Amino acid sequence: MPSLYPDPGIEYYYKACRKGDREAKAVTVDQSPVAALASASDITGLPRDNFEIHEISKDEFEKLRSR
């Protein structure tokens, strides 16, 4: 198993979208999938199981985050 010390410098980015949304519009973005779900639930007032998580690129993350 690879060591996580020192930090390998790998970054992941995620967006939370409503389930069934054909366009996959982001409700929120985060570097943690769990935090993205929690934030989307807080923003909309809907349960967490109404959302799905998609991994996105750093460029898309920055673009969506700046809105």
PDB file of N, CA and C in Angstrom:
ATOM      1  N   MET A   1       0.848  -1.171   0.000  1.00  0.00           N
ATOM      2  CA  MET A   1       0.000   0.000   0.000  1.00  0.00           C
ATOM      3  C   MET A   1       0.899   1.241   0.000  1.00  0.00           C
ATOM      4  N   PRO A   2       0.634   2.193  -0.900  1.00  0.00           N
ATOM      5  CA  PRO A   2       1.473   3.389  -0.957  1.00  0.00           C
ATOM      6  C   PRO A   2       1.288   4.279   0.279  1.00  0.00           C
ATOM      7  N   SER A   3       2.350   4.932   0.649  1.00  0.00           N
ATOM      8  CA  SER A   3       2.317   5.824   1.802  1.00  0.00           C
ATOM      9  C   SER A   3       1.716   7.171   1.422  1.00  0.00           C
ATOM     10  N   LEU A   4       0.962   7.763   2.335  1.00  0.00           N
ATOM     11  CA  LEU A   4       0.423   9.097   2.119  1.00  0.00           C
ATOM     12  C   LEU A   4       1.274  10.153   2.811  1.00  0.00           C
ATOM     13  N   TYR A   5       2.440   9.744   3.306  1.00  0.00           N
ATOM     14  CA  TYR A   5       3.362  10.697   3.896  1.00  0.00           C
ATOM     15  C   TYR A   5       4.701  10.541   3.217  1.00  0.00           C
ATOM     16  N   PRO A   6       5.284  11.514   2.642  1.00  0.00           N
ATOM     17  CA  PRO A   6       4.752  12.854   2.502  1.00  0.00           C
ATOM     18  C   PRO A   6       3.577  12.874   1.524  1.00  0.00           C
ATOM     19  N   ASP A   7       2.774  13.908   1.606  1.00  0.00           N
ATOM     20  CA  ASP A   7       1.586  14.074   0.775  1.00  0.00           C
ATOM     21  C   ASP A   7       1.965  13.909  -0.693  1.00  0.00           C
ATOM     22  N   PRO A   8       1.296  12.992  -1.406  1.00  0.00           N
ATOM     23  CA  PRO A   8       1.646  12.771  -2.813  1.00  0.00           C
ATOM     24  C   PRO A   8       1.245  13.921  -3.733  1.00  0.00           C
ATOM     25  N   GLY A   9       0.473  14.870  -3.238  1.00  0.00           N
ATOM     26  CA  GLY A   9       0.105  16.039  -4.034  1.00  0.00           C
ATOM     27  C   GLY A   9      -1.010  15.780  -5.034  1.00  0.00           C
ATOM     28  N   ILE A  10      -1.739  14.698  -4.854  1.00  0.00           N
ATOM     29  CA  ILE A  10      -2.853  14.387  -5.753  1.00  0.00           C
ATOM     30  C   ILE A  10      -4.078  15.153  -5.274  1.00  0.00           C
ATOM     31  N   GLU A  11      -4.726  15.849  -6.197  1.00  0.00           N
ATOM     32  CA  GLU A  11      -5.917  16.616  -5.851  1.00  0.00           C
ATOM     33  C   GLU A  11      -7.110  16.084  -6.626  1.00  0.00           C
ATOM     34  N   TYR A  12      -8.232  15.965  -5.948  1.00  0.00           N
ATOM     35  CA  TYR A  12      -9.472  15.525  -6.562  1.00  0.00           C
ATOM     36  C   TYR A  12     -10.517  16.608  -6.362  1.00  0.00           C
ATOM     37  N   TYR A  13     -11.423  16.732  -7.327  1.00  0.00           N
ATOM     38  CA  TYR A  13     -12.473  17.741  -7.274  1.00  0.00           C
ATOM     39  C   TYR A  13     -13.795  17.084  -7.650  1.00  0.00           C
ATOM     40  N   TYR A  14     -14.860  17.502  -6.975  1.00  0.00           N
ATOM     41  CA  TYR A  14     -16.158  16.878  -7.172  1.00  0.00           C
ATOM     42  C   TYR A  14     -17.258  17.923  -7.285  1.00  0.00           C
ATOM     43  N   LYS A  15     -18.322  17.552  -8.013  1.00  0.00           N
ATOM     44  CA  LYS A  15     -19.516  18.376  -8.038  1.00  0.00           C
ATOM     45  C   LYS A  15     -20.692  17.498  -7.650  1.00  0.00           C
ATOM     46  N   ALA A  16     -21.650  18.103  -6.935  1.00  0.00           N
ATOM     47  CA  ALA A  16     -22.880  17.410  -6.561  1.00  0.00           C
ATOM     48  C   ALA A  16     -23.977  17.891  -7.491  1.00  0.00           C
ATOM     49  N   CYS A  17     -24.695  16.946  -8.088  1.00  0.00           N
ATOM     50  CA  CYS A  17     -25.780  17.252  -9.020  1.00  0.00           C
ATOM     51  C   CYS A  17     -27.031  16.513  -8.574  1.00  0.00           C
ATOM     52  N   ARG A  18     -28.184  17.032  -8.963  1.00  0.00           N
ATOM     53  CA  ARG A  18     -29.440  16.338  -8.677  1.00  0.00           C
ATOM     54  C   ARG A  18     -29.483  15.047  -9.475  1.00  0.00           C
ATOM     55  N   LYS A  19     -29.961  13.970  -8.872  1.00  0.00           N
ATOM     56  CA  LYS A  19     -30.124  12.708  -9.592  1.00  0.00           C
ATOM     57  C   LYS A  19     -31.126  12.906 -10.718  1.00  0.00           C
ATOM     58  N   GLY A  20     -30.816  12.343 -11.855  1.00  0.00           N
ATOM     59  CA  GLY A  20     -31.707  12.417 -13.000  1.00  0.00           C
ATOM     60  C   GLY A  20     -31.567  13.690 -13.822  1.00  0.00           C
ATOM     61  N   ASP A  21     -30.689  14.595 -13.431  1.00  0.00           N
ATOM     62  CA  ASP A  21     -30.467  15.828 -14.186  1.00  0.00           C
ATOM     63  C   ASP A  21     -29.625  15.500 -15.420  1.00  0.00           C
ATOM     64  N   ARG A  22     -30.238  15.579 -16.588  1.00  0.00           N
ATOM     65  CA  ARG A  22     -29.532  15.206 -17.825  1.00  0.00           C
ATOM     66  C   ARG A  22     -28.333  16.093 -18.089  1.00  0.00           C
ATOM     67  N   GLU A  23     -28.427  17.359 -17.732  1.00  0.00           N
ATOM     68  CA  GLU A  23     -27.323  18.293 -17.977  1.00  0.00           C
ATOM     69  C   GLU A  23     -26.264  18.240 -16.887  1.00  0.00           C
ATOM     70  N   ALA A  24     -26.537  17.560 -15.789  1.00  0.00           N
ATOM     71  CA  ALA A  24     -25.623  17.438 -14.647  1.00  0.00           C
ATOM     72  C   ALA A  24     -25.137  18.800 -14.168  1.00  0.00           C
ATOM     73  N   LYS A  25     -26.088  19.710 -13.950  1.00  0.00           N
ATOM     74  CA  LYS A  25     -25.740  21.035 -13.429  1.00  0.00           C
ATOM     75  C   LYS A  25     -25.268  20.900 -11.986  1.00  0.00           C
ATOM     76  N   ALA A  26     -24.185  21.555 -11.680  1.00  0.00           N
ATOM     77  CA  ALA A  26     -23.617  21.485 -10.330  1.00  0.00           C
ATOM     78  C   ALA A  26     -24.446  22.309  -9.349  1.00  0.00           C
ATOM     79  N   VAL A  27     -24.827  21.682  -8.247  1.00  0.00           N
ATOM     80  CA  VAL A  27     -25.446  22.407  -7.147  1.00  0.00           C
ATOM     81  C   VAL A  27     -24.337  23.042  -6.316  1.00  0.00           C
ATOM     82  N   THR A  28     -23.256  22.295  -6.135  1.00  0.00           N
ATOM     83  CA  THR A  28     -22.086  22.779  -5.406  1.00  0.00           C
ATOM     84  C   THR A  28     -20.859  21.976  -5.823  1.00  0.00           C
ATOM     85  N   VAL A  29     -19.677  22.508  -5.524  1.00  0.00           N
ATOM     86  CA  VAL A  29     -18.416  21.818  -5.793  1.00  0.00           C
ATOM     87  C   VAL A  29     -17.574  21.820  -4.521  1.00  0.00           C
ATOM     88  N   ASP A  30     -16.707  20.806  -4.415  1.00  0.00           N
ATOM     89  CA  ASP A  30     -15.846  20.709  -3.235  1.00  0.00           C
ATOM     90  C   ASP A  30     -14.710  19.739  -3.552  1.00  0.00           C
ATOM     91  N   GLN A  31     -13.702  19.717  -2.688  1.00  0.00           N
ATOM     92  CA  GLN A  31     -12.603  18.771  -2.842  1.00  0.00           C
ATOM     93  C   GLN A  31     -12.887  17.462  -2.116  1.00  0.00           C
ATOM     94  N   SER A  32     -14.013  17.381  -1.436  1.00  0.00           N
ATOM     95  CA  SER A  32     -14.427  16.174  -0.741  1.00  0.00           C
ATOM     96  C   SER A  32     -15.816  15.777  -1.232  1.00  0.00           C
ATOM     97  N   PRO A  33     -16.007  14.526  -1.625  1.00  0.00           N
ATOM     98  CA  PRO A  33     -17.334  14.122  -2.080  1.00  0.00           C
ATOM     99  C   PRO A  33     -18.379  14.192  -0.970  1.00  0.00           C
ATOM    100  N   VAL A  34     -17.983  13.879   0.247  1.00  0.00           N
ATOM    101  CA  VAL A  34     -18.909  13.925   1.386  1.00  0.00           C
ATOM    102  C   VAL A  34     -19.317  15.365   1.673  1.00  0.00           C
ATOM    103  N   ALA A  35     -18.365  16.283   1.635  1.00  0.00           N
ATOM    104  CA  ALA A  35     -18.671  17.696   1.872  1.00  0.00           C
ATOM    105  C   ALA A  35     -19.550  18.258   0.759  1.00  0.00           C
ATOM    106  N   ALA A  36     -19.350  17.815  -0.476  1.00  0.00           N
ATOM    107  CA  ALA A  36     -20.185  18.272  -1.583  1.00  0.00           C
ATOM    108  C   ALA A  36     -21.626  17.826  -1.386  1.00  0.00           C
ATOM    109  N   LEU A  37     -21.824  16.577  -0.956  1.00  0.00           N
ATOM    110  CA  LEU A  37     -23.179  16.092  -0.671  1.00  0.00           C
ATOM    111  C   LEU A  37     -23.833  16.868   0.455  1.00  0.00           C
ATOM    112  N   ALA A  38     -23.101  17.074   1.525  1.00  0.00           N
ATOM    113  CA  ALA A  38     -23.642  17.795   2.676  1.00  0.00           C
ATOM    114  C   ALA A  38     -24.007  19.229   2.301  1.00  0.00           C
ATOM    115  N   SER A  39     -23.155  19.879   1.547  1.00  0.00           N
ATOM    116  CA  SER A  39     -23.398  21.253   1.134  1.00  0.00           C
ATOM    117  C   SER A  39     -24.606  21.344   0.210  1.00  0.00           C
ATOM    118  N   ALA A  40     -24.720  20.418  -0.735  1.00  0.00           N
ATOM    119  CA  ALA A  40     -25.870  20.407  -1.646  1.00  0.00           C
ATOM    120  C   ALA A  40     -27.164  20.203  -0.883  1.00  0.00           C
ATOM    121  N   SER A  41     -27.128  19.336   0.113  1.00  0.00           N
ATOM    122  CA  SER A  41     -28.310  19.098   0.942  1.00  0.00           C
ATOM    123  C   SER A  41     -28.684  20.344   1.738  1.00  0.00           C
ATOM    124  N   ASP A  42     -27.691  21.013   2.280  1.00  0.00           N
ATOM    125  CA  ASP A  42     -27.940  22.246   3.041  1.00  0.00           C
ATOM    126  C   ASP A  42     -28.490  23.357   2.142  1.00  0.00           C
ATOM    127  N   ILE A  43     -27.951  23.484   0.943  1.00  0.00           N
ATOM    128  CA  ILE A  43     -28.360  24.543   0.018  1.00  0.00           C
ATOM    129  C   ILE A  43     -29.812  24.354  -0.424  1.00  0.00           C
ATOM    130  N   THR A  44     -30.176  23.112  -0.758  1.00  0.00           N
ATOM    131  CA  THR A  44     -31.493  22.853  -1.333  1.00  0.00           C
ATOM    132  C   THR A  44     -32.554  22.429  -0.319  1.00  0.00           C
ATOM    133  N   GLY A  45     -32.101  21.919   0.826  1.00  0.00           N
ATOM    134  CA  GLY A  45     -33.045  21.398   1.813  1.00  0.00           C
ATOM    135  C   GLY A  45     -33.532  19.995   1.497  1.00  0.00           C
ATOM    136  N   LEU A  46     -32.945  19.348   0.497  1.00  0.00           N
ATOM    137  CA  LEU A  46     -33.317  17.992   0.107  1.00  0.00           C
ATOM    138  C   LEU A  46     -32.390  16.980   0.767  1.00  0.00           C
ATOM    139  N   PRO A  47     -32.857  15.742   0.952  1.00  0.00           N
ATOM    140  CA  PRO A  47     -31.989  14.709   1.536  1.00  0.00           C
ATOM    141  C   PRO A  47     -30.783  14.418   0.636  1.00  0.00           C
ATOM    142  N   ARG A  48     -29.723  13.935   1.242  1.00  0.00           N
ATOM    143  CA  ARG A  48     -28.480  13.671   0.513  1.00  0.00           C
ATOM    144  C   ARG A  48     -28.623  12.628  -0.582  1.00  0.00           C
ATOM    145  N   ASP A  49     -29.588  11.725  -0.428  1.00  0.00           N
ATOM    146  CA  ASP A  49     -29.733  10.686  -1.448  1.00  0.00           C
ATOM    147  C   ASP A  49     -30.396  11.198  -2.729  1.00  0.00           C
ATOM    148  N   ASN A  50     -30.743  12.478  -2.796  1.00  0.00           N
ATOM    149  CA  ASN A  50     -31.277  13.087  -4.021  1.00  0.00           C
ATOM    150  C   ASN A  50     -30.177  13.622  -4.924  1.00  0.00           C
ATOM    151  N   PHE A  51     -28.923  13.387  -4.558  1.00  0.00           N
ATOM    152  CA  PHE A  51     -27.796  13.922  -5.318  1.00  0.00           C
ATOM    153  C   PHE A  51     -26.843  12.813  -5.721  1.00  0.00           C
ATOM    154  N   GLU A  52     -26.095  13.079  -6.776  1.00  0.00           N
ATOM    155  CA  GLU A  52     -25.018  12.176  -7.178  1.00  0.00           C
ATOM    156  C   GLU A  52     -23.749  13.006  -7.327  1.00  0.00           C
ATOM    157  N   ILE A  53     -22.626  12.350  -7.176  1.00  0.00           N
ATOM    158  CA  ILE A  53     -21.320  13.011  -7.203  1.00  0.00           C
ATOM    159  C   ILE A  53     -20.603  12.662  -8.501  1.00  0.00           C
ATOM    160  N   HIS A  54     -19.978  13.679  -9.109  1.00  0.00           N
ATOM    161  CA  HIS A  54     -19.163  13.489 -10.310  1.00  0.00           C
ATOM    162  C   HIS A  54     -17.787  14.075 -10.053  1.00  0.00           C
ATOM    163  N   GLU A  55     -16.752  13.325 -10.435  1.00  0.00           N
ATOM    164  CA  GLU A  55     -15.392  13.861 -10.340  1.00  0.00           C
ATOM    165  C   GLU A  55     -15.182  14.800 -11.521  1.00  0.00           C
ATOM    166  N   ILE A  56     -14.573  15.951 -11.255  1.00  0.00           N
ATOM    167  CA  ILE A  56     -14.362  16.961 -12.296  1.00  0.00           C
ATOM    168  C   ILE A  56     -12.898  17.384 -12.314  1.00  0.00           C
ATOM    169  N   SER A  57     -12.517  18.082 -13.369  1.00  0.00           N
ATOM    170  CA  SER A  57     -11.135  18.557 -13.496  1.00  0.00           C
ATOM    171  C   SER A  57     -10.928  19.807 -12.632  1.00  0.00           C
ATOM    172  N   LYS A  58      -9.677  20.143 -12.424  1.00  0.00           N
ATOM    173  CA  LYS A  58      -9.352  21.339 -11.650  1.00  0.00           C
ATOM    174  C   LYS A  58      -9.863  22.588 -12.364  1.00  0.00           C
ATOM    175  N   ASP A  59      -9.762  22.625 -13.691  1.00  0.00           N
ATOM    176  CA  ASP A  59     -10.254  23.781 -14.457  1.00  0.00           C
ATOM    177  C   ASP A  59     -11.759  23.960 -14.292  1.00  0.00           C
ATOM    178  N   GLU A  60     -12.503  22.857 -14.383  1.00  0.00           N
ATOM    179  CA  GLU A  60     -13.958  22.936 -14.206  1.00  0.00           C
ATOM    180  C   GLU A  60     -14.305  23.340 -12.780  1.00  0.00           C
ATOM    181  N   PHE A  61     -13.546  22.824 -11.810  1.00  0.00           N
ATOM    182  CA  PHE A  61     -13.758  23.179 -10.409  1.00  0.00           C
ATOM    183  C   PHE A  61     -13.595  24.685 -10.203  1.00  0.00           C
ATOM    184  N   GLU A  62     -12.513  25.241 -10.735  1.00  0.00           N
ATOM    185  CA  GLU A  62     -12.259  26.680 -10.595  1.00  0.00           C
ATOM    186  C   GLU A  62     -13.341  27.507 -11.279  1.00  0.00           C
ATOM    187  N   LYS A  63     -13.778  27.054 -12.455  1.00  0.00           N
ATOM    188  CA  LYS A  63     -14.821  27.764 -13.201  1.00  0.00           C
ATOM    189  C   LYS A  63     -16.139  27.776 -12.417  1.00  0.00           C
ATOM    190  N   LEU A  64     -16.544  26.613 -11.899  1.00  0.00           N
ATOM    191  CA  LEU A  64     -17.801  26.516 -11.163  1.00  0.00           C
ATOM    192  C   LEU A  64     -17.711  27.240  -9.813  1.00  0.00           C
ATOM    193  N   ARG A  65     -16.557  27.197  -9.209  1.00  0.00           N
ATOM    194  CA  ARG A  65     -16.373  27.817  -7.892  1.00  0.00           C
ATOM    195  C   ARG A  65     -16.440  29.348  -7.986  1.00  0.00           C
ATOM    196  N   SER A  66     -16.031  29.903  -9.119  1.00  0.00           N
ATOM    197  CA  SER A  66     -16.001  31.352  -9.266  1.00  0.00           C
ATOM    198  C   SER A  66     -17.373  31.966  -9.545  1.00  0.00           C
ATOM    199  N   ARG A  67     -18.373  31.142  -9.773  1.00  0.00           N
ATOM    200  CA  ARG A  67     -19.725  31.679 -10.034  1.00  0.00           C
ATOM    201  C   ARG A  67     -20.290  32.373  -8.861  1.00  0.00           C
TER     202      ARG A  67
END
